[in-house]
Amino acid sequence: MKLEVQHKRQEITVDIDLLARLLARLQKDNGEIPWSYGGKTDPWDHIEAAMGLCIGGYINEAHSAYEWLADIQLEDGSWHASYLDGKPLDKTRDTNISTYIAVGLFHYYLITKDVEFLNQMWGTMSAAIDFAVSLQAPGGEIFWAKNAEMKVDHMALLTGSSSIYMSLKCALAIAKILNKKKPEWETAKIRLGHAVRDGYHLFNITKSRYSMDWFYPVLSGAMTGADARKRIDQYWKKFVVEGLGVRCVSDRPWVTIAETAELVLALVAMGNHKLAEIVFAWISERKFEDGSYWCGFTFPDMVIWPEDEITWTNGVVIMAADALYQLSPASMLFNHKYWETSEYAQPG
């Protein structure tokens, strides 16, 4: 599938088949998808790549990616933060990394309608969600991790908690599909939503220089409507470099393709397709000769850094194209109206 769209004077071309082939080529025989050839793997980005595979029609490869996660899940429902050559690299047990499997599995279901696979993965997913919910603080935020010594780090991250909010939405949707009642997840999601919207003081403010702290509350659907529009408008100039993309951090001249594509997802989610397409056009030609996307680049000197082909970067570009142009049944995954009006609508 080669997507070609004329946007004003610029043609947007995204070769979905090419990007999906890249992901499949870098996937290991056991289903694991590392960042790059010979690089590390972290479960969150592994899932982002698996979603790109699924949109691109590599269903068996995506299936294998989720089975790999089930095979290496730890006894408390979590995963280590990263792996290299099959061995733990960072033994931190991150709540956001662990819960994202729910988003991946619901995405897989929207494309395949494979209820049997949801049943197969239920124990894995529910243990992962329970791990994170067990680390929810009195204010509703979720502590970000247990360290290698299994001690809870009593710090909450706005990006991570926002992402967990999305994971809880998807976990509850899967529970509904499978006719399972999880009222404790519903309560945790409502409390977490209140924390993300109203509890700025609960989160580590040193991370506010990262662009994900800006738009993840919107991407996840914790902030919608006027609140979402206000948040995007308020910090637009802090993070966005017009004509180029989104800074990874506000005080560094480094634009990243993944953060820019995720902002596209957030803009589409809140209904601003026009602006989302403008931003997507900015990165449409930031590609290597083989057609895969750069990870990032500095400006104004336009130095590509790093120079590796990053799997999850290309995965999220596929997801952004899907959201914009409705290429798959999962294109509505982050859409706020979808979550408000579909059979999976939820309180909070």
Protein backbone atom coordinates (compact mmCIF):
# COMPACT_ATOMS: atom_id res chain seq x y z
CA MET A 1 0.00 0.00 0.00
CA LYS A 2 1.57 3.27 -1.11
CA LEU A 3 -0.29 6.26 0.26
CA GLU A 4 -0.03 9.39 -1.88
CA VAL A 5 -1.91 12.53 -0.86
CA GLN A 6 -1.66 16.01 -2.31
CA HIS A 7 -1.43 18.53 0.52
CA LYS A 8 -1.42 22.08 -0.84
CA ARG A 9 1.81 22.22 -2.85
CA GLN A 10 3.39 19.20 -1.20
CA GLU A 11 2.74 15.58 -2.01
CA ILE A 12 2.66 13.33 1.04
CA THR A 13 3.92 9.86 0.21
CA VAL A 14 4.03 7.07 2.76
CA ASP A 15 4.91 3.58 1.56
CA ILE A 16 3.15 1.48 4.19
CA ASP A 17 4.30 -1.79 2.61
CA LEU A 18 7.92 -0.67 2.68
CA LEU A 19 7.78 0.43 6.31
CA ALA A 20 6.01 -2.75 7.41
CA ARG A 21 8.59 -4.86 5.57
CA LEU A 22 11.32 -3.01 7.46
CA LEU A 23 9.67 -3.92 10.76
CA ALA A 24 9.24 -7.53 9.71
CA ARG A 25 12.84 -7.71 8.56
CA LEU A 26 14.15 -6.46 11.90
CA GLN A 27 11.86 -8.73 13.94
CA LYS A 28 13.63 -11.74 15.43
CA ASP A 29 12.45 -15.32 14.92
CA ASN A 30 11.05 -15.41 18.47
CA GLY A 31 8.80 -12.39 17.79
CA GLU A 32 10.94 -9.77 19.50
CA ILE A 33 11.26 -6.40 17.73
CA PRO A 34 14.39 -4.50 18.79
CA TRP A 35 14.86 -0.76 18.33
CA SER A 36 17.27 -1.35 15.47
CA TYR A 37 19.50 -4.07 14.05
CA GLY A 38 21.61 -5.34 16.96
CA GLY A 39 19.94 -2.90 19.34
CA LYS A 40 18.01 -3.23 22.56
CA THR A 41 14.31 -3.98 22.92
CA ASP A 42 11.87 -2.34 25.28
CA PRO A 43 8.34 -3.73 25.53
CA TRP A 44 6.56 -0.40 24.92
CA ASP A 45 8.33 0.35 21.66
CA HIS A 46 8.13 -3.32 20.70
CA ILE A 47 4.32 -2.95 20.88
CA GLU A 48 4.39 0.29 18.86
CA ALA A 49 6.24 -1.62 16.12
CA ALA A 50 3.78 -4.53 16.37
CA MET A 51 0.89 -2.15 15.74
CA GLY A 52 2.67 -0.88 12.64
CA LEU A 53 3.07 -4.47 11.47
CA CYS A 54 -0.62 -5.15 11.99
CA ILE A 55 -1.74 -2.11 10.00
CA GLY A 56 0.66 -3.16 7.25
CA GLY A 57 -0.95 -6.59 6.99
CA TYR A 58 1.73 -8.56 8.84
CA ILE A 59 -0.79 -10.18 11.14
CA ASN A 60 1.22 -13.31 11.94
CA GLU A 61 4.24 -11.19 12.82
CA ALA A 62 2.17 -9.01 15.15
CA HIS A 63 0.67 -12.14 16.72
CA SER A 64 4.20 -13.46 17.32
CA ALA A 65 5.24 -10.14 18.88
CA TYR A 66 2.54 -10.39 21.54
CA GLU A 67 3.31 -14.03 22.22
CA TRP A 68 6.93 -13.07 22.84
CA LEU A 69 5.74 -10.70 25.56
CA ALA A 70 3.64 -13.46 27.15
CA ASP A 71 6.64 -15.79 27.14
CA ILE A 72 8.93 -13.39 29.01
CA GLN A 73 6.44 -11.77 31.41
CA LEU A 74 7.65 -11.61 35.01
CA GLU A 75 5.79 -13.22 37.88
CA ASP A 76 4.26 -9.93 39.10
CA GLY A 77 2.80 -9.13 35.68
CA SER A 78 5.49 -6.67 34.63
CA TRP A 79 8.40 -6.71 32.21
CA HIS A 80 11.92 -5.42 32.54
CA ALA A 81 12.37 -2.00 30.97
CA SER A 82 14.71 -3.29 28.27
CA TYR A 83 16.40 -6.41 26.93
CA LEU A 84 19.45 -7.14 24.81
CA ASP A 85 20.05 -10.47 23.12
CA GLY A 86 17.35 -12.09 25.23
CA LYS A 87 18.73 -10.91 28.58
CA PRO A 88 17.46 -8.09 30.80
CA LEU A 89 19.38 -4.88 30.20
CA ASP A 90 17.47 -2.55 32.54
CA LYS A 91 15.71 -4.42 35.34
CA THR A 92 13.41 -1.55 36.23
CA ARG A 93 9.75 -2.67 36.20
CA ASP A 94 7.96 0.28 34.61
CA THR A 95 4.17 0.51 35.01
CA ASN A 96 3.61 2.30 31.69
CA ILE A 97 5.79 -0.12 29.75
CA SER A 98 3.95 -3.04 31.31
CA THR A 99 0.39 -1.90 30.66
CA TYR A 100 0.81 -0.87 27.02
CA ILE A 101 0.15 -4.44 25.94
CA ALA A 102 -3.56 -3.69 26.40
CA VAL A 103 -3.39 -0.98 23.73
CA GLY A 104 -1.57 -3.33 21.38
CA LEU A 105 -4.02 -6.18 21.90
CA PHE A 106 -7.11 -4.01 21.43
CA HIS A 107 -5.54 -2.57 18.29
CA TYR A 108 -4.89 -6.13 17.06
CA TYR A 109 -8.50 -7.06 17.77
CA LEU A 110 -9.90 -4.06 15.89
CA ILE A 111 -8.07 -5.25 12.78
CA THR A 112 -8.45 -9.03 13.12
CA LYS A 113 -11.58 -9.51 15.29
CA ASP A 114 -9.66 -12.45 16.80
CA VAL A 115 -11.49 -13.07 20.08
CA GLU A 116 -9.66 -16.36 20.57
CA PHE A 117 -6.35 -14.53 20.75
CA LEU A 118 -7.78 -12.07 23.29
CA ASN A 119 -8.79 -15.04 25.42
CA GLN A 120 -5.33 -16.52 25.06
CA MET A 121 -3.68 -13.26 26.12
CA TRP A 122 -6.16 -12.35 28.87
CA GLY A 123 -4.04 -13.70 31.72
CA THR A 124 -0.96 -11.87 30.45
CA MET A 125 -2.78 -8.58 29.98
CA SER A 126 -4.76 -8.68 33.22
CA ALA A 127 -1.63 -9.42 35.25
CA ALA A 128 0.09 -6.45 33.61
CA ILE A 129 -2.81 -4.11 34.40
CA ASP A 130 -3.03 -5.39 37.98
CA PHE A 131 0.69 -4.68 38.42
CA ALA A 132 0.19 -1.01 37.53
CA VAL A 133 -3.05 -0.59 39.49
CA SER A 134 -1.29 -1.96 42.58
CA LEU A 135 1.05 1.04 42.33
CA GLN A 136 -1.70 3.67 42.20
CA ALA A 137 -1.17 6.45 44.72
CA PRO A 138 -3.87 8.02 46.94
CA GLY A 139 -4.09 10.98 44.55
CA GLY A 140 -4.92 8.73 41.60
CA GLU A 141 -1.58 8.99 39.84
CA ILE A 142 0.41 5.80 39.29
CA PHE A 143 3.96 5.47 40.54
CA TRP A 144 6.24 4.93 37.62
CA ALA A 145 8.21 1.82 38.60
CA LYS A 146 9.78 -0.69 40.91
CA ASN A 147 13.54 -0.71 40.76
CA ALA A 148 15.78 -3.75 40.30
CA GLU A 149 15.61 -4.38 44.05
CA MET A 150 11.78 -4.42 43.84
CA LYS A 151 11.39 -1.18 45.78
CA VAL A 152 8.65 1.19 44.61
CA ASP A 153 9.91 4.50 43.25
CA HIS A 154 7.33 6.94 44.59
CA MET A 155 7.48 9.27 41.60
CA ALA A 156 4.72 9.72 39.08
CA LEU A 157 5.25 10.79 35.47
CA LEU A 158 2.55 12.65 33.57
CA THR A 159 3.43 11.01 30.25
CA GLY A 160 3.48 7.55 31.80
CA SER A 161 0.24 7.99 33.73
CA SER A 162 -1.47 9.39 30.62
CA SER A 163 -0.37 6.37 28.63
CA ILE A 164 -1.61 4.05 31.39
CA TYR A 165 -4.98 5.81 31.16
CA MET A 166 -5.14 4.77 27.50
CA SER A 167 -4.09 1.25 28.47
CA LEU A 168 -6.87 1.04 31.04
CA LYS A 169 -9.43 2.14 28.43
CA CYS A 170 -8.27 -0.63 26.11
CA ALA A 171 -8.11 -3.21 28.91
CA LEU A 172 -11.70 -2.42 29.87
CA ALA A 173 -12.77 -2.68 26.22
CA ILE A 174 -11.17 -6.12 26.03
CA ALA A 175 -12.86 -7.11 29.29
CA LYS A 176 -16.20 -6.11 27.77
CA ILE A 177 -15.53 -8.17 24.64
CA LEU A 178 -14.75 -11.19 26.82
CA ASN A 179 -17.67 -10.55 29.21
CA LYS A 180 -15.40 -10.08 32.21
CA LYS A 181 -16.13 -7.66 35.03
CA LYS A 182 -13.23 -5.53 36.29
CA PRO A 183 -14.73 -2.81 38.51
CA GLU A 184 -11.36 -2.18 40.16
CA TRP A 185 -9.94 -1.20 36.77
CA GLU A 186 -12.88 1.13 36.16
CA THR A 187 -12.26 2.83 39.50
CA ALA A 188 -8.53 3.08 38.85
CA LYS A 189 -9.15 4.64 35.44
CA ILE A 190 -11.55 7.27 36.79
CA ARG A 191 -9.14 8.22 39.58
CA LEU A 192 -6.23 8.34 37.15
CA GLY A 193 -8.16 10.54 34.73
CA HIS A 194 -8.87 13.06 37.49
CA ALA A 195 -5.18 13.07 38.43
CA VAL A 196 -4.02 13.70 34.86
CA ARG A 197 -6.55 16.49 34.31
CA ASP A 198 -6.43 18.24 37.65
CA GLY A 199 -3.41 17.02 39.62
CA TYR A 200 -0.44 18.71 38.01
CA HIS A 201 1.26 18.89 41.41
CA LEU A 202 1.22 15.09 41.65
CA PHE A 203 3.70 14.61 38.83
CA ASN A 204 7.42 15.15 38.42
CA ILE A 205 7.58 18.66 36.98
CA THR A 206 11.15 18.24 35.73
CA LYS A 207 9.71 16.19 32.88
CA SER A 208 7.56 19.10 31.66
CA ARG A 209 10.36 20.05 29.25
CA TYR A 210 9.55 16.88 27.29
CA SER A 211 6.97 17.30 24.54
CA MET A 212 5.24 14.05 25.48
CA ASP A 213 4.24 15.61 28.81
CA TRP A 214 2.49 18.25 26.74
CA PHE A 215 0.38 16.18 24.36
CA TYR A 216 0.05 12.73 25.98
CA PRO A 217 -2.87 13.79 28.20
CA VAL A 218 -4.67 14.63 24.93
CA LEU A 219 -3.43 11.61 22.99
CA SER A 220 -4.69 9.27 25.71
CA GLY A 221 -8.11 10.91 25.90
CA ALA A 222 -7.69 11.92 29.54
CA MET A 223 -8.18 15.49 28.25
CA THR A 224 -10.82 16.08 25.60
CA GLY A 225 -12.88 18.92 24.17
CA ALA A 226 -12.05 22.45 25.29
CA ASP A 227 -9.46 21.20 27.79
CA ALA A 228 -7.59 19.40 25.02
CA ARG A 229 -7.68 22.40 22.70
CA LYS A 230 -6.47 24.71 25.45
CA ARG A 231 -3.56 22.44 26.33
CA ILE A 232 -2.41 22.07 22.73
CA ASP A 233 -2.66 25.82 22.09
CA GLN A 234 -0.97 26.78 25.37
CA TYR A 235 2.32 25.01 24.70
CA TRP A 236 2.40 24.90 20.90
CA LYS A 237 5.19 27.47 20.53
CA LYS A 238 7.21 25.81 23.30
CA PHE A 239 7.57 22.52 21.44
CA VAL A 240 6.66 22.97 17.78
CA VAL A 241 9.16 24.21 15.19
CA GLU A 242 6.99 25.41 12.34
CA GLY A 243 7.73 23.60 9.11
CA LEU A 244 9.92 20.98 10.80
CA GLY A 245 8.12 19.15 13.60
CA VAL A 246 8.15 18.62 17.36
CA ARG A 247 11.13 19.00 19.66
CA CYS A 248 11.80 16.04 21.92
CA VAL A 249 12.59 18.52 24.70
CA SER A 250 11.80 22.21 24.69
CA ASP A 251 15.34 23.43 25.30
CA ARG A 252 17.19 21.38 22.68
CA PRO A 253 17.31 21.88 18.88
CA TRP A 254 16.33 18.30 18.11
CA VAL A 255 13.16 17.38 16.25
CA THR A 256 12.05 13.76 16.45
CA ILE A 257 9.85 11.99 13.93
CA ALA A 258 8.15 9.80 16.54
CA GLU A 259 7.02 12.72 18.71
CA THR A 260 5.84 14.58 15.62
CA ALA A 261 3.83 11.57 14.43
CA GLU A 262 2.37 11.15 17.92
CA LEU A 263 1.30 14.80 17.91
CA VAL A 264 -0.46 14.03 14.63
CA LEU A 265 -2.28 11.20 16.43
CA ALA A 266 -3.27 13.57 19.23
CA LEU A 267 -4.54 16.23 16.81
CA VAL A 268 -6.60 13.69 14.88
CA ALA A 269 -7.90 12.28 18.17
CA MET A 270 -9.30 15.66 19.18
CA GLY A 271 -10.76 16.25 15.70
CA ASN A 272 -8.27 18.71 14.21
CA HIS A 273 -7.55 16.82 10.98
CA LYS A 274 -6.48 19.92 9.07
CA LEU A 275 -3.68 20.82 11.46
CA ALA A 276 -2.71 17.16 11.83
CA GLU A 277 -2.20 16.85 8.08
CA ILE A 278 -0.10 20.01 8.01
CA VAL A 279 2.19 18.62 10.72
CA PHE A 280 2.36 15.23 9.02
CA ALA A 281 3.42 16.92 5.79
CA TRP A 282 6.41 18.45 7.57
CA ILE A 283 7.97 15.04 8.16
CA SER A 284 6.83 13.35 4.96
CA GLU A 285 10.24 13.56 3.29
CA ARG A 286 12.46 13.01 6.35
CA LYS A 287 13.53 9.62 5.05
CA PHE A 288 16.61 7.58 4.31
CA GLU A 289 17.27 6.47 0.75
CA ASP A 290 15.47 3.19 1.42
CA GLY A 291 12.26 5.06 2.31
CA SER A 292 12.33 4.49 6.07
CA TYR A 293 12.04 7.48 8.37
CA TRP A 294 14.80 9.18 10.31
CA CYS A 295 14.61 9.01 14.08
CA GLY A 296 15.36 12.71 14.42
CA PHE A 297 17.42 15.65 13.24
CA THR A 298 18.98 18.78 14.64
CA PHE A 299 18.21 22.23 13.35
CA PRO A 300 19.10 24.57 11.76
CA ASP A 301 22.06 22.43 10.60
CA MET A 302 19.76 19.47 9.70
CA VAL A 303 22.06 16.74 10.96
CA ILE A 304 20.33 13.35 11.08
CA TRP A 305 20.72 11.79 14.53
CA PRO A 306 20.84 8.95 15.28
CA GLU A 307 21.45 7.34 11.92
CA ASP A 308 19.92 3.95 12.77
CA GLU A 309 16.64 2.73 11.29
CA ILE A 310 14.41 2.79 14.39
CA THR A 311 11.54 0.31 14.34
CA TRP A 312 9.14 2.17 16.61
CA THR A 313 9.63 5.44 14.75
CA ASN A 314 8.45 3.79 11.56
CA GLY A 315 5.68 2.01 13.46
CA VAL A 316 4.18 5.24 14.73
CA VAL A 317 4.45 6.89 11.31
CA ILE A 318 2.28 4.04 10.01
CA MET A 319 -0.16 4.65 12.88
CA ALA A 320 -0.31 8.39 12.15
CA ALA A 321 -1.02 7.72 8.47
CA ASP A 322 -3.73 5.27 9.48
CA ALA A 323 -5.37 7.78 11.81
CA LEU A 324 -5.31 10.50 9.15
CA TYR A 325 -6.44 8.45 6.17
CA GLN A 326 -8.33 5.53 7.77
CA LEU A 327 -6.30 2.73 6.24
CA SER A 328 -7.38 0.05 8.71
CA PRO A 329 -10.24 -0.76 11.11
CA ALA A 330 -7.94 0.40 13.94
CA SER A 331 -7.66 3.96 12.63
CA MET A 332 -10.05 5.21 15.35
CA LEU A 333 -7.99 3.78 18.22
CA PHE A 334 -7.15 7.16 19.78
CA ASN A 335 -10.16 9.10 18.51
CA HIS A 336 -11.99 10.84 21.36
CA LYS A 337 -15.42 10.68 19.75
CA TYR A 338 -14.98 6.97 19.12
CA TRP A 339 -14.42 6.36 22.83
CA GLU A 340 -17.38 8.57 23.70
CA THR A 341 -19.89 7.04 21.28
CA SER A 342 -18.83 3.45 20.46
CA GLU A 343 -19.86 0.31 22.27
CA TYR A 344 -16.70 0.74 24.35
CA ALA A 345 -17.71 4.11 25.78
CA GLN A 346 -16.70 4.41 29.42
CA PRO A 347 -17.21 6.84 32.31
CA GLY A 348 -14.33 9.00 33.45
